[in-house]
Amino acid sequence: MASEPSHGTPPTSSPGDGTPPTSSRLGSRRSFLGMLSVAGSAVIGLIVAVPGASYVIDPLLRSAGKKGRWVRLGDLNSYSEDHPVVVPIEGEQVDAWTRSDKVRLGMVWIRKKGDKVVALNAECPHLGCKVGYVKDQKKFACPCHDSSFTEEGERVGGPAPRSMDPLESRIVDGKVEVCFVRYRAQVKERVEVG
């Protein structure tokens, strides 16, 4: 007679003998399938996360570069040496994910000085109002809070924390070009904002 297996030990099976698998083999299969499921989910998550993260981070990366842009304004001979002339600055504007062509970015005061030009941002450094030119007094004045500036843009009076913001300019093939930059208002230092 064959000895009967004891009741305390589970029966073992060998491949191909038709007996059901043991719980230790079932556990290892389940853990393998669980790990495979987790790995697959991680790969799918990465595939979805990379484009999503680049979509969110893209505006930050684009704005990290230099903020000024060169804009061509017109012929040098079209500007006066007697008084400044205000010129609108138009160009492409990019705000986060939107892009617009031919948008008015600001205004610039241009004054011819021989074969060069002096360019001043027309925004008041106090609160950003448009600074006007008072021809009979030969000075710039802000209509909002009475800040005033010399013809060269130096602060004379009012609440403006600094002089008008000078802009880099150049003459290329007889045309005036200005590097248009915006600066933060209400601070004494010139801090570029766009």
N, C-alpha and C. Protein backbone atom coordinates (compact mmCIF):
# COMPACT_ATOMS: atom_id res chain seq x y z
N MET A 1 0.81 -1.17 0.00
CA MET A 1 0.00 0.00 0.00
C MET A 1 0.86 1.23 0.00
N ALA A 2 0.29 2.21 -0.71
CA ALA A 2 1.01 3.48 -0.79
C ALA A 2 0.65 4.33 0.40
N SER A 3 1.62 5.08 0.81
CA SER A 3 1.36 5.92 1.98
C SER A 3 0.56 7.14 1.54
N GLU A 4 -0.33 7.52 2.39
CA GLU A 4 -1.16 8.67 2.09
C GLU A 4 -0.44 9.95 2.51
N PRO A 5 -0.65 11.01 1.72
CA PRO A 5 0.00 12.27 2.11
C PRO A 5 -0.61 12.80 3.38
N SER A 6 0.22 13.45 4.15
CA SER A 6 -0.29 14.04 5.39
C SER A 6 -1.12 15.26 5.05
N HIS A 7 -2.02 15.58 5.93
CA HIS A 7 -2.95 16.68 5.68
C HIS A 7 -2.31 18.04 5.88
N GLY A 8 -1.19 18.17 6.50
CA GLY A 8 -0.57 19.46 6.79
C GLY A 8 0.21 20.04 5.62
N THR A 9 0.65 19.25 4.65
CA THR A 9 1.45 19.78 3.55
C THR A 9 0.64 19.75 2.28
N PRO A 10 0.68 20.82 1.52
CA PRO A 10 -0.10 20.83 0.28
C PRO A 10 0.56 19.95 -0.76
N PRO A 11 -0.24 19.43 -1.65
CA PRO A 11 0.32 18.57 -2.68
C PRO A 11 1.16 19.40 -3.64
N THR A 12 2.22 18.86 -4.09
CA THR A 12 3.06 19.54 -5.08
C THR A 12 2.67 19.04 -6.44
N SER A 13 2.93 19.86 -7.43
CA SER A 13 2.62 19.44 -8.78
C SER A 13 3.85 19.60 -9.62
N SER A 14 3.93 18.82 -10.58
CA SER A 14 5.03 18.94 -11.52
C SER A 14 4.42 19.25 -12.87
N PRO A 15 5.19 19.93 -13.70
CA PRO A 15 4.63 20.33 -14.99
C PRO A 15 4.15 19.12 -15.77
N GLY A 16 2.96 19.28 -16.29
CA GLY A 16 2.40 18.26 -17.16
C GLY A 16 1.76 17.09 -16.45
N ASP A 17 1.71 17.08 -15.10
CA ASP A 17 1.11 15.93 -14.44
C ASP A 17 -0.38 16.11 -14.19
N GLY A 18 -0.94 17.31 -14.58
CA GLY A 18 -2.38 17.50 -14.48
C GLY A 18 -2.85 17.96 -13.13
N THR A 19 -1.98 18.13 -12.19
CA THR A 19 -2.40 18.59 -10.86
C THR A 19 -2.43 20.12 -10.86
N PRO A 20 -3.30 20.73 -10.06
CA PRO A 20 -3.39 22.19 -10.02
C PRO A 20 -2.11 22.81 -9.44
N PRO A 21 -1.78 24.08 -9.88
CA PRO A 21 -0.57 24.73 -9.39
C PRO A 21 -0.68 25.06 -7.91
N THR A 22 0.44 25.17 -7.28
CA THR A 22 0.47 25.47 -5.85
C THR A 22 0.28 26.97 -5.65
N SER A 23 -0.02 27.36 -4.42
CA SER A 23 -0.24 28.77 -4.11
C SER A 23 1.04 29.57 -4.26
N SER A 24 2.21 28.96 -4.07
CA SER A 24 3.46 29.72 -4.23
C SER A 24 3.68 30.07 -5.70
N ARG A 25 3.32 29.18 -6.60
CA ARG A 25 3.44 29.49 -8.03
C ARG A 25 2.41 30.53 -8.44
N LEU A 26 1.20 30.46 -7.88
CA LEU A 26 0.17 31.45 -8.19
C LEU A 26 0.60 32.82 -7.70
N GLY A 27 1.20 32.87 -6.53
CA GLY A 27 1.65 34.14 -5.97
C GLY A 27 2.73 34.77 -6.82
N SER A 28 3.65 33.99 -7.33
CA SER A 28 4.73 34.57 -8.14
C SER A 28 4.19 35.05 -9.49
N ARG A 29 3.20 34.35 -10.06
CA ARG A 29 2.59 34.81 -11.30
C ARG A 29 1.84 36.11 -11.09
N ARG A 30 1.11 36.17 -9.99
CA ARG A 30 0.35 37.39 -9.69
C ARG A 30 1.29 38.57 -9.46
N SER A 31 2.37 38.35 -8.74
CA SER A 31 3.29 39.46 -8.49
C SER A 31 3.96 39.89 -9.80
N PHE A 32 4.27 38.95 -10.68
CA PHE A 32 4.86 39.30 -11.97
C PHE A 32 3.87 40.12 -12.81
N LEU A 33 2.62 39.67 -12.86
CA LEU A 33 1.60 40.40 -13.62
C LEU A 33 1.33 41.77 -13.00
N GLY A 34 1.39 41.85 -11.68
CA GLY A 34 1.22 43.14 -11.00
C GLY A 34 2.34 44.10 -11.35
N MET A 35 3.58 43.61 -11.34
CA MET A 35 4.72 44.46 -11.70
C MET A 35 4.63 44.87 -13.16
N LEU A 36 4.21 43.95 -14.02
CA LEU A 36 4.06 44.27 -15.45
C LEU A 36 2.99 45.35 -15.63
N SER A 37 1.92 45.27 -14.88
CA SER A 37 0.85 46.26 -14.94
C SER A 37 1.34 47.64 -14.47
N VAL A 38 2.10 47.64 -13.38
CA VAL A 38 2.63 48.91 -12.86
C VAL A 38 3.61 49.52 -13.86
N ALA A 39 4.49 48.73 -14.45
CA ALA A 39 5.46 49.23 -15.43
C ALA A 39 4.74 49.77 -16.66
N GLY A 40 3.74 49.08 -17.14
CA GLY A 40 2.97 49.55 -18.29
C GLY A 40 2.26 50.85 -18.00
N SER A 41 1.69 50.96 -16.80
CA SER A 41 1.02 52.20 -16.41
C SER A 41 2.01 53.36 -16.34
N ALA A 42 3.21 53.09 -15.84
CA ALA A 42 4.23 54.14 -15.75
C ALA A 42 4.64 54.61 -17.14
N VAL A 43 4.80 53.69 -18.08
CA VAL A 43 5.17 54.07 -19.45
C VAL A 43 4.07 54.91 -20.08
N ILE A 44 2.83 54.51 -19.92
CA ILE A 44 1.70 55.26 -20.47
C ILE A 44 1.63 56.64 -19.81
N GLY A 45 1.86 56.70 -18.49
CA GLY A 45 1.87 57.99 -17.79
C GLY A 45 2.94 58.92 -18.33
N LEU A 46 4.13 58.41 -18.60
CA LEU A 46 5.21 59.23 -19.16
C LEU A 46 4.86 59.73 -20.55
N ILE A 47 4.27 58.84 -21.35
CA ILE A 47 3.88 59.23 -22.71
C ILE A 47 2.89 60.39 -22.68
N VAL A 48 1.99 60.40 -21.73
CA VAL A 48 1.01 61.46 -21.60
C VAL A 48 1.62 62.69 -20.91
N ALA A 49 2.49 62.51 -19.93
CA ALA A 49 3.01 63.62 -19.13
C ALA A 49 4.01 64.49 -19.89
N VAL A 50 4.85 63.91 -20.74
CA VAL A 50 5.88 64.70 -21.41
C VAL A 50 5.28 65.79 -22.30
N PRO A 51 4.34 65.49 -23.19
CA PRO A 51 3.74 66.58 -23.97
C PRO A 51 2.96 67.57 -23.11
N GLY A 52 2.31 67.07 -22.07
CA GLY A 52 1.56 67.96 -21.18
C GLY A 52 2.48 68.93 -20.45
N ALA A 53 3.59 68.43 -19.94
CA ALA A 53 4.55 69.29 -19.23
C ALA A 53 5.18 70.29 -20.18
N SER A 54 5.52 69.87 -21.40
CA SER A 54 6.13 70.81 -22.34
C SER A 54 5.13 71.89 -22.74
N TYR A 55 3.85 71.56 -22.81
CA TYR A 55 2.81 72.54 -23.13
C TYR A 55 2.73 73.61 -22.04
N VAL A 56 2.84 73.19 -20.79
CA VAL A 56 2.75 74.13 -19.67
C VAL A 56 4.03 74.94 -19.53
N ILE A 57 5.18 74.34 -19.74
CA ILE A 57 6.47 75.00 -19.53
C ILE A 57 6.88 75.88 -20.71
N ASP A 58 6.38 75.62 -21.91
CA ASP A 58 6.80 76.34 -23.12
C ASP A 58 6.75 77.86 -22.99
N PRO A 59 5.66 78.47 -22.49
CA PRO A 59 5.66 79.94 -22.37
C PRO A 59 6.76 80.46 -21.45
N LEU A 60 7.08 79.72 -20.41
CA LEU A 60 8.14 80.15 -19.50
C LEU A 60 9.49 80.12 -20.20
N LEU A 61 9.73 79.09 -21.00
CA LEU A 61 11.00 78.98 -21.72
C LEU A 61 11.13 80.08 -22.77
N ARG A 62 10.04 80.41 -23.45
CA ARG A 62 10.10 81.46 -24.47
C ARG A 62 10.32 82.82 -23.85
N SER A 63 9.78 83.06 -22.68
CA SER A 63 9.92 84.37 -22.06
C SER A 63 11.24 84.54 -21.34
N ALA A 64 12.04 83.48 -21.25
CA ALA A 64 13.31 83.58 -20.54
C ALA A 64 14.38 84.29 -21.35
N GLY A 65 14.15 84.46 -22.65
CA GLY A 65 15.15 85.12 -23.50
C GLY A 65 15.13 86.62 -23.34
N LYS A 66 15.87 87.30 -24.19
CA LYS A 66 15.94 88.76 -24.17
C LYS A 66 14.58 89.33 -24.55
N LYS A 67 14.17 90.35 -23.84
CA LYS A 67 12.83 90.89 -24.04
C LYS A 67 12.76 91.96 -25.12
N GLY A 68 13.85 92.68 -25.39
CA GLY A 68 13.83 93.74 -26.38
C GLY A 68 13.75 93.19 -27.79
N ARG A 69 13.18 93.99 -28.70
CA ARG A 69 13.12 93.60 -30.11
C ARG A 69 13.37 94.81 -30.97
N TRP A 70 14.11 94.60 -32.04
CA TRP A 70 14.41 95.69 -32.96
C TRP A 70 13.23 95.89 -33.90
N VAL A 71 12.81 97.16 -34.02
CA VAL A 71 11.67 97.52 -34.85
C VAL A 71 12.11 98.64 -35.80
N ARG A 72 11.85 98.46 -37.08
CA ARG A 72 12.18 99.48 -38.08
C ARG A 72 11.04 100.49 -38.12
N LEU A 73 11.41 101.80 -38.01
CA LEU A 73 10.39 102.85 -37.92
C LEU A 73 10.21 103.65 -39.20
N GLY A 74 11.27 104.13 -39.80
CA GLY A 74 11.11 104.96 -40.99
C GLY A 74 12.42 105.61 -41.36
N ASP A 75 12.37 106.48 -42.39
CA ASP A 75 13.56 107.17 -42.87
C ASP A 75 14.08 108.15 -41.83
N LEU A 76 15.39 108.24 -41.72
CA LEU A 76 16.02 109.19 -40.81
C LEU A 76 15.59 110.61 -41.14
N ASN A 77 15.45 110.93 -42.43
CA ASN A 77 15.09 112.29 -42.85
C ASN A 77 13.65 112.67 -42.50
N SER A 78 12.82 111.72 -42.08
CA SER A 78 11.43 112.05 -41.74
C SER A 78 11.30 112.55 -40.30
N TYR A 79 12.40 112.59 -39.56
CA TYR A 79 12.36 113.06 -38.17
C TYR A 79 13.00 114.43 -38.05
N SER A 80 12.56 115.19 -37.06
CA SER A 80 13.00 116.57 -36.89
C SER A 80 14.10 116.69 -35.84
N GLU A 81 14.96 117.70 -36.02
CA GLU A 81 15.95 118.03 -35.00
C GLU A 81 15.38 119.07 -34.04
N ASP A 82 14.29 119.74 -34.44
CA ASP A 82 13.70 120.80 -33.61
C ASP A 82 12.90 120.25 -32.43
N HIS A 83 12.18 119.19 -32.65
CA HIS A 83 11.33 118.63 -31.59
C HIS A 83 11.15 117.13 -31.82
N PRO A 84 10.85 116.39 -30.75
CA PRO A 84 10.63 114.94 -30.89
C PRO A 84 9.31 114.64 -31.59
N VAL A 85 9.27 113.47 -32.21
CA VAL A 85 8.07 113.00 -32.91
C VAL A 85 7.69 111.66 -32.28
N VAL A 86 6.40 111.50 -32.00
CA VAL A 86 5.94 110.23 -31.41
C VAL A 86 5.63 109.24 -32.54
N VAL A 87 6.07 107.99 -32.33
CA VAL A 87 5.91 106.95 -33.34
C VAL A 87 5.34 105.70 -32.67
N PRO A 88 4.27 105.13 -33.22
CA PRO A 88 3.75 103.87 -32.66
C PRO A 88 4.69 102.71 -33.01
N ILE A 89 4.82 101.79 -32.08
CA ILE A 89 5.61 100.58 -32.28
C ILE A 89 4.62 99.43 -32.47
N GLU A 90 4.69 98.80 -33.63
CA GLU A 90 3.82 97.66 -33.92
C GLU A 90 4.68 96.44 -34.19
N GLY A 91 4.18 95.29 -33.80
CA GLY A 91 4.92 94.06 -34.03
C GLY A 91 4.13 92.87 -33.55
N GLU A 92 4.79 91.74 -33.53
CA GLU A 92 4.17 90.50 -33.09
C GLU A 92 4.17 90.45 -31.57
N GLN A 93 3.04 90.05 -31.00
CA GLN A 93 2.94 89.90 -29.55
C GLN A 93 2.62 88.47 -29.22
N VAL A 94 3.39 87.89 -28.31
CA VAL A 94 3.18 86.52 -27.87
C VAL A 94 2.88 86.55 -26.38
N ASP A 95 1.69 86.11 -26.01
CA ASP A 95 1.29 86.01 -24.61
C ASP A 95 0.96 84.56 -24.32
N ALA A 96 1.84 83.91 -23.58
CA ALA A 96 1.68 82.49 -23.25
C ALA A 96 1.48 81.69 -24.54
N TRP A 97 0.26 81.25 -24.83
CA TRP A 97 0.05 80.39 -26.00
C TRP A 97 -0.55 81.12 -27.19
N THR A 98 -0.86 82.41 -27.05
CA THR A 98 -1.45 83.15 -28.16
C THR A 98 -0.41 84.02 -28.86
N ARG A 99 -0.54 84.16 -30.15
CA ARG A 99 0.37 84.97 -30.96
C ARG A 99 -0.47 85.86 -31.86
N SER A 100 -0.16 87.17 -31.84
CA SER A 100 -0.90 88.13 -32.66
C SER A 100 0.09 88.96 -33.47
N ASP A 101 -0.22 89.19 -34.75
CA ASP A 101 0.61 90.01 -35.62
C ASP A 101 0.11 91.45 -35.61
N LYS A 102 1.01 92.38 -35.87
CA LYS A 102 0.71 93.81 -36.02
C LYS A 102 -0.12 94.36 -34.86
N VAL A 103 0.37 94.16 -33.67
CA VAL A 103 -0.26 94.67 -32.46
C VAL A 103 0.51 95.91 -32.02
N ARG A 104 -0.17 96.93 -31.56
CA ARG A 104 0.53 98.11 -31.04
C ARG A 104 1.15 97.73 -29.70
N LEU A 105 2.48 97.76 -29.68
CA LEU A 105 3.22 97.38 -28.48
C LEU A 105 3.47 98.57 -27.56
N GLY A 106 3.48 99.76 -28.13
CA GLY A 106 3.74 100.96 -27.35
C GLY A 106 4.01 102.14 -28.26
N MET A 107 4.54 103.21 -27.66
CA MET A 107 4.87 104.42 -28.39
C MET A 107 6.29 104.84 -28.02
N VAL A 108 6.96 105.49 -28.98
CA VAL A 108 8.33 105.94 -28.77
C VAL A 108 8.46 107.37 -29.26
N TRP A 109 9.17 108.20 -28.50
CA TRP A 109 9.52 109.54 -28.93
C TRP A 109 10.86 109.49 -29.62
N ILE A 110 10.93 110.01 -30.86
CA ILE A 110 12.16 110.00 -31.66
C ILE A 110 12.56 111.44 -31.94
N ARG A 111 13.84 111.73 -31.74
CA ARG A 111 14.37 113.05 -32.08
C ARG A 111 15.69 112.86 -32.80
N LYS A 112 15.80 113.51 -33.96
CA LYS A 112 17.00 113.42 -34.78
C LYS A 112 18.10 114.29 -34.17
N LYS A 113 19.31 113.75 -34.12
CA LYS A 113 20.49 114.50 -33.64
C LYS A 113 21.60 114.27 -34.64
N GLY A 114 21.64 115.09 -35.69
CA GLY A 114 22.63 114.92 -36.75
C GLY A 114 22.31 113.68 -37.55
N ASP A 115 23.26 112.74 -37.61
CA ASP A 115 23.02 111.48 -38.33
C ASP A 115 22.65 110.35 -37.38
N LYS A 116 22.20 110.70 -36.18
CA LYS A 116 21.74 109.72 -35.20
C LYS A 116 20.37 110.13 -34.69
N VAL A 117 19.78 109.28 -33.87
CA VAL A 117 18.50 109.61 -33.24
C VAL A 117 18.55 109.28 -31.76
N VAL A 118 17.73 110.00 -31.00
CA VAL A 118 17.53 109.70 -29.58
C VAL A 118 16.12 109.14 -29.48
N ALA A 119 15.99 108.00 -28.82
CA ALA A 119 14.68 107.35 -28.68
C ALA A 119 14.34 107.21 -27.19
N LEU A 120 13.12 107.60 -26.84
CA LEU A 120 12.63 107.48 -25.46
C LEU A 120 11.30 106.75 -25.46
N ASN A 121 11.13 105.82 -24.52
CA ASN A 121 9.84 105.15 -24.38
C ASN A 121 8.83 106.19 -23.93
N ALA A 122 7.65 106.20 -24.54
CA ALA A 122 6.63 107.20 -24.25
C ALA A 122 5.78 106.85 -23.03
N GLU A 123 6.09 105.76 -22.32
CA GLU A 123 5.35 105.41 -21.11
C GLU A 123 5.99 106.08 -19.91
N CYS A 124 5.17 106.70 -19.08
CA CYS A 124 5.67 107.34 -17.88
C CYS A 124 6.13 106.26 -16.90
N PRO A 125 7.31 106.43 -16.30
CA PRO A 125 7.80 105.43 -15.35
C PRO A 125 7.00 105.39 -14.05
N HIS A 126 6.06 106.32 -13.89
CA HIS A 126 5.25 106.31 -12.67
C HIS A 126 4.19 105.21 -12.74
N LEU A 127 3.22 105.37 -13.65
CA LEU A 127 2.14 104.38 -13.78
C LEU A 127 1.91 103.92 -15.20
N GLY A 128 2.76 104.32 -16.14
CA GLY A 128 2.64 103.83 -17.51
C GLY A 128 1.75 104.65 -18.41
N CYS A 129 1.32 105.85 -17.98
CA CYS A 129 0.52 106.71 -18.85
C CYS A 129 1.38 107.18 -20.02
N LYS A 130 0.73 107.59 -21.11
CA LYS A 130 1.48 108.08 -22.28
C LYS A 130 1.96 109.51 -22.01
N VAL A 131 3.27 109.69 -22.08
CA VAL A 131 3.88 111.00 -21.88
C VAL A 131 3.74 111.81 -23.16
N GLY A 132 3.28 113.05 -23.04
CA GLY A 132 3.13 113.95 -24.18
C GLY A 132 4.27 114.97 -24.22
N TYR A 133 4.35 115.66 -25.35
CA TYR A 133 5.38 116.70 -25.50
C TYR A 133 4.70 118.05 -25.56
N VAL A 134 5.18 119.00 -24.72
CA VAL A 134 4.64 120.35 -24.69
C VAL A 134 5.61 121.21 -25.49
N LYS A 135 5.23 121.51 -26.72
CA LYS A 135 6.14 122.17 -27.67
C LYS A 135 6.59 123.55 -27.22
N ASP A 136 5.64 124.39 -26.73
CA ASP A 136 6.02 125.75 -26.34
C ASP A 136 6.90 125.79 -25.09
N GLN A 137 6.85 124.75 -24.25
CA GLN A 137 7.70 124.70 -23.05
C GLN A 137 8.94 123.81 -23.26
N LYS A 138 8.99 123.14 -24.41
CA LYS A 138 10.10 122.24 -24.76
C LYS A 138 10.38 121.24 -23.64
N LYS A 139 9.33 120.53 -23.27
CA LYS A 139 9.47 119.50 -22.24
C LYS A 139 8.42 118.41 -22.45
N PHE A 140 8.66 117.26 -21.83
CA PHE A 140 7.69 116.17 -21.81
C PHE A 140 6.88 116.29 -20.53
N ALA A 141 5.59 115.92 -20.60
CA ALA A 141 4.73 115.98 -19.42
C ALA A 141 3.76 114.80 -19.43
N CYS A 142 3.56 114.24 -18.27
CA CYS A 142 2.58 113.16 -18.11
C CYS A 142 1.26 113.77 -17.68
N PRO A 143 0.17 113.53 -18.43
CA PRO A 143 -1.11 114.14 -18.08
C PRO A 143 -1.79 113.51 -16.87
N CYS A 144 -1.33 112.35 -16.44
CA CYS A 144 -2.02 111.64 -15.34
C CYS A 144 -1.69 112.21 -13.97
N HIS A 145 -0.40 112.39 -13.66
CA HIS A 145 -0.02 112.79 -12.30
C HIS A 145 1.04 113.88 -12.29
N ASP A 146 1.12 114.65 -13.38
CA ASP A 146 1.98 115.84 -13.46
C ASP A 146 3.48 115.58 -13.35
N SER A 147 3.94 114.42 -13.74
CA SER A 147 5.39 114.23 -13.84
C SER A 147 5.86 114.99 -15.07
N SER A 148 7.07 115.58 -15.00
CA SER A 148 7.59 116.32 -16.15
C SER A 148 9.05 115.96 -16.36
N PHE A 149 9.47 116.08 -17.64
CA PHE A 149 10.81 115.65 -18.06
C PHE A 149 11.37 116.64 -19.06
N THR A 150 12.70 116.77 -19.12
CA THR A 150 13.34 117.63 -20.10
C THR A 150 13.20 117.00 -21.49
N GLU A 151 13.65 117.72 -22.51
CA GLU A 151 13.63 117.18 -23.88
C GLU A 151 14.50 115.93 -24.00
N GLU A 152 15.47 115.79 -23.13
CA GLU A 152 16.34 114.61 -23.14
C GLU A 152 15.75 113.48 -22.30
N GLY A 153 14.60 113.72 -21.65
CA GLY A 153 13.94 112.70 -20.87
C GLY A 153 14.29 112.67 -19.40
N GLU A 154 15.10 113.64 -18.93
CA GLU A 154 15.48 113.69 -17.52
C GLU A 154 14.30 114.15 -16.67
N ARG A 155 14.10 113.50 -15.53
CA ARG A 155 13.00 113.84 -14.64
C ARG A 155 13.21 115.23 -14.05
N VAL A 156 12.13 116.07 -14.12
CA VAL A 156 12.18 117.42 -13.56
C VAL A 156 11.33 117.49 -12.30
N GLY A 157 10.15 116.86 -12.33
CA GLY A 157 9.26 116.91 -11.18
C GLY A 157 8.15 115.89 -11.29
N GLY A 158 7.37 115.80 -10.20
CA GLY A 158 6.25 114.86 -10.17
C GLY A 158 6.61 113.55 -9.50
N PRO A 159 5.66 112.63 -9.46
CA PRO A 159 5.87 111.37 -8.72
C PRO A 159 6.66 110.29 -9.48
N ALA A 160 7.06 110.55 -10.72
CA ALA A 160 7.82 109.52 -11.47
C ALA A 160 9.09 109.18 -10.70
N PRO A 161 9.38 107.90 -10.50
CA PRO A 161 10.55 107.51 -9.71
C PRO A 161 11.88 107.63 -10.46
N ARG A 162 11.84 107.85 -11.77
CA ARG A 162 13.07 107.93 -12.56
C ARG A 162 12.80 108.74 -13.83
N SER A 163 13.84 108.98 -14.58
CA SER A 163 13.71 109.67 -15.86
C SER A 163 13.00 108.76 -16.87
N MET A 164 12.65 109.34 -18.02
CA MET A 164 12.04 108.53 -19.08
C MET A 164 13.05 107.46 -19.52
N ASP A 165 12.54 106.35 -20.01
CA ASP A 165 13.40 105.22 -20.35
C ASP A 165 13.99 105.38 -21.75
N PRO A 166 15.33 105.53 -21.85
CA PRO A 166 15.96 105.62 -23.16
C PRO A 166 15.97 104.25 -23.83
N LEU A 167 15.87 104.25 -25.15
CA LEU A 167 15.89 103.01 -25.91
C LEU A 167 17.07 103.04 -26.88
N GLU A 168 17.67 101.89 -27.06
CA GLU A 168 18.78 101.78 -28.01
C GLU A 168 18.26 102.00 -29.42
N SER A 169 19.01 102.76 -30.21
CA SER A 169 18.59 103.03 -31.59
C SER A 169 19.78 102.92 -32.52
N ARG A 170 19.50 102.73 -33.80
CA ARG A 170 20.55 102.65 -34.82
C ARG A 170 19.96 103.04 -36.17
N ILE A 171 20.85 103.36 -37.10
CA ILE A 171 20.45 103.69 -38.46
C ILE A 171 20.97 102.57 -39.36
N VAL A 172 20.07 101.93 -40.11
CA VAL A 172 20.43 100.85 -41.03
C VAL A 172 19.87 101.21 -42.40
N ASP A 173 20.76 101.41 -43.36
CA ASP A 173 20.35 101.77 -44.72
C ASP A 173 19.45 103.00 -44.75
N GLY A 174 19.76 104.00 -43.93
CA GLY A 174 18.98 105.23 -43.90
C GLY A 174 17.68 105.13 -43.13
N LYS A 175 17.39 103.98 -42.53
CA LYS A 175 16.16 103.77 -41.77
C LYS A 175 16.47 103.73 -40.28
N VAL A 176 15.57 104.29 -39.49
CA VAL A 176 15.72 104.30 -38.04
C VAL A 176 15.18 102.98 -37.48
N GLU A 177 15.97 102.35 -36.63
CA GLU A 177 15.54 101.14 -35.93
C GLU A 177 15.71 101.37 -34.43
N VAL A 178 14.73 100.90 -33.67
CA VAL A 178 14.75 101.05 -32.21
C VAL A 178 14.58 99.67 -31.58
N CYS A 179 15.37 99.43 -30.53
CA CYS A 179 15.19 98.19 -29.75
C CYS A 179 14.15 98.51 -28.69
N PHE A 180 12.90 98.08 -28.95
CA PHE A 180 11.79 98.43 -28.05
C PHE A 180 11.78 97.51 -26.84
N VAL A 181 11.80 98.12 -25.67
CA VAL A 181 11.78 97.40 -24.40
C VAL A 181 10.81 98.12 -23.48
N ARG A 182 10.09 97.35 -22.70
CA ARG A 182 9.24 97.93 -21.66
C ARG A 182 9.92 97.70 -20.32
N TYR A 183 9.74 98.68 -19.43
CA TYR A 183 10.33 98.59 -18.10
C TYR A 183 9.24 98.65 -17.04
N ARG A 184 9.52 98.06 -15.90
CA ARG A 184 8.56 98.04 -14.79
C ARG A 184 8.33 99.47 -14.29
N ALA A 185 7.09 99.82 -14.07
CA ALA A 185 6.73 101.13 -13.54
C ALA A 185 6.87 101.13 -12.02
N GLN A 186 6.94 102.30 -11.44
CA GLN A 186 6.94 102.54 -10.00
C GLN A 186 8.20 102.08 -9.27
N VAL A 187 9.27 101.81 -9.99
CA VAL A 187 10.53 101.46 -9.33
C VAL A 187 11.63 102.38 -9.86
N LYS A 188 12.64 102.61 -9.03
CA LYS A 188 13.71 103.53 -9.40
C LYS A 188 14.64 102.92 -10.43
N GLU A 189 14.88 101.62 -10.35
CA GLU A 189 15.77 100.94 -11.29
C GLU A 189 14.99 100.59 -12.55
N ARG A 190 15.72 100.41 -13.65
CA ARG A 190 15.08 99.96 -14.89
C ARG A 190 15.11 98.44 -14.92
N VAL A 191 13.93 97.84 -14.82
CA VAL A 191 13.79 96.39 -14.83
C VAL A 191 12.96 96.03 -16.06
N GLU A 192 13.57 95.27 -16.99
CA GLU A 192 12.84 94.87 -18.20
C GLU A 192 11.68 93.96 -17.89
N VAL A 193 10.54 94.26 -18.52
CA VAL A 193 9.37 93.38 -18.38
C VAL A 193 8.85 92.92 -19.72
N GLY A 194 9.34 93.43 -20.81
CA GLY A 194 8.88 92.96 -22.11
C GLY A 194 9.25 93.87 -23.24
